[in-house]
Protein backbone atom coordinates (compact mmCIF):
# COMPACT_ATOMS: atom_id res chain seq x y z
CA MET A 1 12.97 -15.04 -1.69
CA GLU A 2 12.84 -15.11 1.95
CA PHE A 3 11.11 -12.36 4.37
CA LEU A 4 13.57 -12.21 7.23
CA SER A 5 10.64 -11.19 9.69
CA LEU A 6 12.04 -7.77 10.55
CA GLY A 7 15.23 -9.37 11.89
CA ARG A 8 14.21 -13.18 12.55
CA LYS A 9 13.17 -16.09 10.24
CA PHE A 10 9.60 -17.01 11.00
CA ILE A 11 9.42 -20.79 9.94
CA ASN A 12 5.79 -21.74 10.98
CA SER A 13 3.83 -20.31 7.95
CA GLU A 14 0.53 -21.95 8.62
CA LYS A 15 0.57 -20.23 12.28
CA SER A 16 1.83 -16.84 10.91
CA LYS A 17 -0.65 -14.02 11.61
CA ALA A 18 0.71 -11.65 9.01
CA ALA A 19 2.15 -12.57 5.46
CA ILE A 20 4.28 -10.76 3.23
CA LEU A 21 3.48 -11.44 -0.48
CA SER A 22 6.24 -10.19 -2.72
CA VAL A 23 5.05 -9.18 -5.97
CA PRO A 24 8.15 -8.15 -8.40
CA TYR A 25 5.93 -6.96 -11.42
CA GLU A 26 6.74 -4.30 -13.69
CA ALA A 27 4.65 -3.52 -17.20
CA THR A 28 3.17 -0.57 -17.35
CA THR A 29 5.44 2.14 -15.62
CA SER A 30 5.97 5.14 -17.49
CA PHE A 31 9.00 7.06 -16.10
CA ILE A 32 11.73 5.80 -14.20
CA LYS A 33 12.15 2.00 -14.03
CA GLY A 34 13.13 -0.51 -11.60
CA CYS A 35 10.14 -1.14 -9.32
CA SER A 36 10.38 -4.93 -10.08
CA LYS A 37 13.02 -4.95 -7.83
CA GLY A 38 11.32 -3.01 -4.95
CA PRO A 39 10.21 -6.33 -2.99
CA GLU A 40 13.50 -7.87 -2.71
CA SER A 41 15.10 -4.34 -1.74
CA ILE A 42 12.53 -4.12 1.16
CA ILE A 43 13.06 -7.63 2.23
CA LYS A 44 16.82 -7.20 2.36
CA ALA A 45 16.41 -4.01 4.17
CA SER A 46 14.34 -5.63 6.63
CA SER A 47 16.86 -7.40 8.27
CA HIS A 48 18.47 -4.31 9.52
CA VAL A 49 15.21 -2.78 10.88
CA GLU A 50 14.97 -2.98 14.78
CA LEU A 51 12.77 -5.46 15.94
CA PHE A 52 11.40 -3.36 18.89
CA ASP A 53 8.95 -0.51 18.41
CA GLU A 54 9.24 1.85 21.04
CA GLU A 55 5.93 3.62 20.31
CA LEU A 56 3.94 0.28 20.95
CA ASN A 57 6.30 -1.31 23.08
CA THR A 58 6.78 -4.64 21.72
CA LYS A 59 8.23 -6.60 18.87
CA PRO A 60 5.57 -6.87 15.93
CA HIS A 61 7.35 -9.65 14.49
CA VAL A 62 6.03 -11.99 17.30
CA VAL A 63 2.81 -12.41 15.63
CA GLY A 64 4.78 -14.43 13.00
CA ILE A 65 5.24 -13.24 9.73
CA SER A 66 5.61 -15.79 6.90
CA SER A 67 6.99 -15.12 3.25
CA HIS A 68 5.12 -15.63 -0.16
CA ILE A 69 5.97 -14.76 -3.85
CA VAL A 70 4.02 -14.55 -6.75
CA GLU A 71 6.40 -14.89 -10.07
CA ASN A 72 6.60 -16.34 -13.52
CA PHE A 73 4.47 -13.74 -15.15
CA ASN A 74 3.58 -13.72 -18.91
CA ASN A 75 3.05 -11.14 -21.56
CA ASN A 76 -0.63 -10.72 -20.88
CA HIS A 77 -1.13 -7.78 -18.26
CA GLU A 78 -4.84 -8.66 -17.16
CA LEU A 79 -3.91 -12.45 -16.48
CA ASN A 80 -1.03 -11.32 -14.41
CA LEU A 81 -3.14 -9.08 -12.36
CA LYS A 82 -5.78 -11.97 -11.92
CA LYS A 83 -2.87 -14.11 -10.71
CA ILE A 84 -1.47 -11.58 -8.27
CA GLY A 85 -5.19 -11.38 -6.96
CA ASN A 86 -5.64 -14.99 -6.81
CA LYS A 87 -2.68 -15.44 -4.52
CA PHE A 88 -3.51 -12.50 -2.23
CA LEU A 89 -7.03 -14.11 -1.68
CA GLU A 90 -5.68 -17.65 -1.12
CA LEU A 91 -3.69 -16.21 1.93
CA TYR A 92 -6.30 -13.73 2.95
CA LYS A 93 -8.81 -16.83 3.32
CA LYS A 94 -6.36 -18.52 5.51
CA GLY A 95 -6.95 -15.51 7.93
CA LYS A 96 -3.69 -13.78 7.38
CA PHE A 97 -3.19 -10.02 7.55
CA VAL A 98 -1.57 -9.71 3.88
CA LEU A 99 1.12 -6.83 3.26
CA SER A 100 2.09 -7.08 -0.28
CA PHE A 101 5.12 -5.24 -1.55
CA GLY A 102 5.36 -4.04 -5.22
CA GLY A 103 5.98 -3.98 -7.98
CA GLU A 104 4.09 -1.33 -10.04
CA HIS A 105 0.68 0.01 -8.57
CA SER A 106 -1.47 -2.01 -10.93
CA ILE A 107 -1.22 -4.64 -8.49
CA SER A 108 -3.74 -3.20 -6.42
CA ILE A 109 -6.25 -3.90 -9.21
CA GLY A 110 -5.71 -7.62 -9.10
CA ILE A 111 -6.09 -7.63 -5.43
CA ILE A 112 -8.96 -5.49 -5.11
CA ASP A 113 -10.55 -7.41 -7.78
CA THR A 114 -10.65 -10.67 -5.98
CA LEU A 115 -10.59 -9.33 -2.30
CA SER A 116 -14.26 -7.58 -3.21
CA THR A 117 -15.62 -10.90 -4.17
CA VAL A 118 -15.69 -11.99 -0.47
CA GLU A 119 -15.74 -8.34 1.18
CA LYS A 120 -18.98 -6.88 -0.40
CA LYS A 121 -18.71 -3.68 1.80
CA LEU A 122 -15.06 -2.47 1.27
CA SER A 123 -13.46 0.81 1.09
CA VAL A 124 -9.97 1.51 -0.23
CA ILE A 125 -7.50 4.48 1.33
CA GLN A 126 -4.91 5.28 -1.01
CA PHE A 127 -1.75 7.25 0.11
CA ASP A 128 -0.27 8.45 -3.36
CA ALA A 129 1.00 11.55 -4.88
CA HIS A 130 -0.95 10.81 -7.89
CA ALA A 131 -4.91 10.46 -8.32
CA ASP A 132 -4.43 7.45 -10.68
CA PHE A 133 -7.81 8.11 -11.92
CA ARG A 134 -7.07 7.92 -15.76
CA ASN A 135 -9.48 5.62 -17.49
CA TYR A 136 -6.85 4.62 -20.24
CA TYR A 137 -3.16 5.44 -20.25
CA GLN A 138 -0.57 4.44 -22.78
CA GLY A 139 -2.55 1.72 -24.50
CA SER A 140 -4.09 -0.03 -21.31
CA ASN A 141 -7.16 0.43 -19.07
CA TYR A 142 -5.11 -1.43 -16.65
CA SER A 143 -2.08 1.02 -16.46
CA HIS A 144 -0.63 1.90 -13.37
CA ALA A 145 -2.15 5.37 -13.76
CA CYS A 146 -5.56 3.92 -13.95
CA THR A 147 -5.23 1.91 -10.61
CA MET A 148 -7.77 4.00 -8.57
CA ARG A 149 -10.19 4.35 -11.71
CA ARG A 150 -10.59 0.43 -11.69
CA ILE A 151 -10.56 0.07 -8.07
CA TYR A 152 -13.55 2.75 -7.85
CA GLU A 153 -15.48 0.48 -10.21
CA LYS A 154 -15.32 -2.52 -7.23
CA VAL A 155 -15.55 -1.03 -3.94
CA SER A 156 -17.90 0.91 -1.38
CA SER A 157 -15.88 3.97 -1.50
CA ILE A 158 -12.35 5.30 -1.72
CA SER A 159 -10.30 7.71 0.21
CA GLN A 160 -7.27 9.66 -1.29
CA ILE A 161 -4.48 11.35 0.86
CA GLY A 162 -1.45 13.30 -0.28
CA ILE A 163 -2.32 13.92 -3.48
CA ARG A 164 -0.67 16.36 -5.72
CA SER A 165 -0.64 15.47 -9.22
CA LEU A 166 -3.52 14.74 -11.40
CA SER A 167 -4.84 15.81 -15.05
CA ASN A 168 -7.71 17.90 -15.94
CA PRO A 169 -9.97 15.03 -16.83
CA GLU A 170 -8.95 13.27 -13.81
CA PHE A 171 -9.64 16.37 -11.68
CA ASN A 172 -13.00 16.74 -13.29
CA PHE A 173 -13.96 12.97 -12.87
CA VAL A 174 -13.11 13.45 -8.96
CA LYS A 175 -15.34 16.38 -8.73
CA LYS A 176 -18.10 14.88 -10.55
CA GLU A 177 -18.24 11.60 -8.47
CA LYS A 178 -17.72 14.11 -5.22
CA LEU A 179 -14.57 12.12 -3.82
CA ASN A 180 -13.25 14.80 -2.13
CA PRO A 181 -9.31 13.89 -1.66
CA ILE A 182 -7.27 15.27 0.74
CA PHE A 183 -4.70 17.30 -1.44
CA ALA A 184 -1.00 17.71 -0.23
CA TRP A 185 -1.18 21.32 0.10
CA GLU A 186 -4.39 20.92 2.48
CA MET A 187 -2.41 18.58 4.92
CA GLU A 188 -0.17 21.56 5.39
CA SER A 189 -2.86 23.15 7.69
CA MET A 190 -4.53 19.93 8.89
CA GLY A 191 -3.74 17.92 12.08
CA SER A 192 -3.36 14.32 11.80
CA GLN A 193 -6.64 13.73 13.69
CA GLU A 194 -8.66 16.04 11.50
CA ILE A 195 -7.37 13.86 8.55
CA VAL A 196 -8.12 10.61 10.26
CA GLU A 197 -11.65 11.71 10.98
CA ARG A 198 -12.33 12.91 7.44
CA ILE A 199 -11.16 9.60 6.12
CA ARG A 200 -13.18 7.64 9.10
CA GLU A 201 -16.37 9.50 7.81
CA SER A 202 -15.94 8.63 4.20
CA THR A 203 -15.14 4.97 4.41
CA VAL A 204 -16.79 1.79 5.85
CA ASP A 205 -15.55 -0.17 8.60
CA ASN A 206 -13.43 -2.86 6.35
CA VAL A 207 -10.85 -0.93 4.62
CA TYR A 208 -7.92 -2.06 2.44
CA ILE A 209 -4.88 0.33 2.43
CA THR A 210 -2.64 0.93 -0.63
CA PHE A 211 0.44 2.81 -0.27
CA ASP A 212 2.47 4.21 -2.97
CA VAL A 213 5.75 5.38 -1.78
CA ASP A 214 5.70 8.36 -3.97
CA TYR A 215 3.39 9.83 -1.57
CA PHE A 216 6.08 10.77 0.95
CA SER A 217 8.33 13.63 0.78
CA THR A 218 11.61 12.80 -0.77
CA GLU A 219 13.42 13.20 2.64
CA VAL A 220 11.51 9.95 3.32
CA ILE A 221 11.83 8.08 0.36
CA LYS A 222 13.44 9.12 -2.99
CA ASP A 223 13.59 6.10 -4.93
CA THR A 224 10.22 5.82 -6.89
CA GLY A 225 9.04 5.77 -10.57
CA THR A 226 7.11 9.04 -10.62
CA PRO A 227 8.54 11.39 -7.94
CA GLU A 228 6.75 14.73 -6.90
CA PRO A 229 8.07 17.35 -4.67
CA GLY A 230 6.15 18.50 -1.67
CA GLY A 231 5.16 15.11 0.10
CA PRO A 232 4.20 14.49 3.59
CA SER A 233 6.43 13.94 6.36
CA TRP A 234 7.47 10.39 8.29
CA TYR A 235 5.94 11.16 11.74
CA LYS A 236 2.69 12.94 10.39
CA THR A 237 1.99 10.01 8.32
CA LEU A 238 2.54 7.52 11.01
CA ARG A 239 -0.09 9.41 13.20
CA ILE A 240 -2.72 9.13 10.34
CA LEU A 241 -1.93 5.30 9.44
CA LYS A 242 -2.19 4.56 13.41
CA GLY A 243 -5.57 6.49 13.57
CA ILE A 244 -6.90 4.13 10.62
CA PHE A 245 -5.78 1.22 12.13
CA GLU A 246 -7.51 2.22 15.50
CA CYS A 247 -10.91 3.01 14.03
CA LYS A 248 -11.03 0.78 11.17
CA ASN A 249 -10.86 -2.96 10.27
CA VAL A 250 -7.69 -2.73 8.01
CA VAL A 251 -8.00 -6.25 6.22
CA GLY A 252 -4.82 -5.84 3.82
CA MET A 253 -2.28 -3.56 2.59
CA ASP A 254 0.34 -2.91 -0.17
CA ILE A 255 3.38 -0.84 -0.39
CA VAL A 256 4.23 -0.19 -4.19
CA GLU A 257 6.24 1.92 -6.69
CA LEU A 258 9.63 1.63 -4.68
CA ILE A 259 12.50 1.55 -7.21
CA GLY A 260 14.63 -1.36 -5.91
CA SER A 261 18.42 -1.74 -6.60
CA ASP A 262 21.22 -4.46 -5.95
CA ASP A 263 22.55 -2.37 -3.03
CA SER A 264 20.84 -1.37 0.22
CA SER A 265 19.41 2.40 0.45
CA TYR A 266 17.80 4.64 2.60
CA SER A 267 14.52 4.33 0.85
CA SER A 268 14.27 0.56 1.02
CA PHE A 269 14.91 0.96 4.56
CA SER A 270 12.22 3.54 5.13
CA ALA A 271 9.94 1.03 3.41
CA ALA A 272 10.83 -1.82 5.60
CA LEU A 273 10.31 0.25 8.65
CA LEU A 274 6.75 1.59 7.32
CA ALA A 275 5.97 -2.25 6.93
CA ARG A 276 7.05 -2.81 10.69
CA LYS A 277 4.94 -0.01 11.64
CA CYS A 278 1.69 -0.93 9.88
CA ILE A 279 2.09 -4.79 11.14
CA GLY A 280 2.46 -3.37 14.80
CA TYR A 281 -0.51 -1.20 14.32
CA LYS A 282 -2.62 -4.04 12.95
CA PHE A 283 -1.87 -6.12 15.91
CA PHE A 284 -1.40 -4.00 18.71
CA CYS A 285 -3.51 -0.96 18.53
CA ASN A 286 -6.58 -1.03 20.51
CA LYS A 287 -9.78 -0.91 17.66
CA LYS A 288 -12.53 1.74 18.07
CA LEU A 289 -14.48 0.73 15.34
CA ASN A 290 -17.27 3.74 14.31
């Protein structure tokens, strides 16, 4: 699988500053299937994304974007997650900003499990419709619905944005741990800078962003495994992301849960453009670390 670097092939992998890690993995999804095709759909759509970013007045791909993939999975879910995490860490140790394309959300468990071994002070910022705080779901402690519960066990803190679906036990757990997620209904009356400030105060300097595309309004992305109505808009989300990249050191990121298809789609284009925006924010925004 070849990432087209948002319109241009980047050949020298060693000199690239950014790395796309495709993870076409699906094992525990519980509603609409097809997220294993998500990475390929994003990559195909990326060849149609404009290279120039008018907001940043630059072409983000000039930093160099190399392409990598994790494949040949077996029937052992936990071992597969470790394999994904090890590949991420291999690229991370080479100094690259790794942006992973899922696949189901549980891939983030494997990534954070390995990343936390080298980044002892780390926060995770989750963009998502779902809290993903179940301790056990449909026979597994490592289900996509358990992602943030497992991650919470590994990191300094987490911050959740756009949440609008969680079970009663999850709600009780969030309150017990005083996690204070930013619910989607709250975002309606909050400015983007207010949201960024709340995230800034609840996280350490080094952060990892996990972005489940069901976070978005279906006007932005509709092809996702567990869609929920009432998601945030495109531009407000970009303002929040830019604010995070400006005030934190974003050490890695993933975009997950896109339902892929053989044909191009508006959703896959939106995910590819989101990737370009975040690469741009990473390398072309002034850092104002707290």
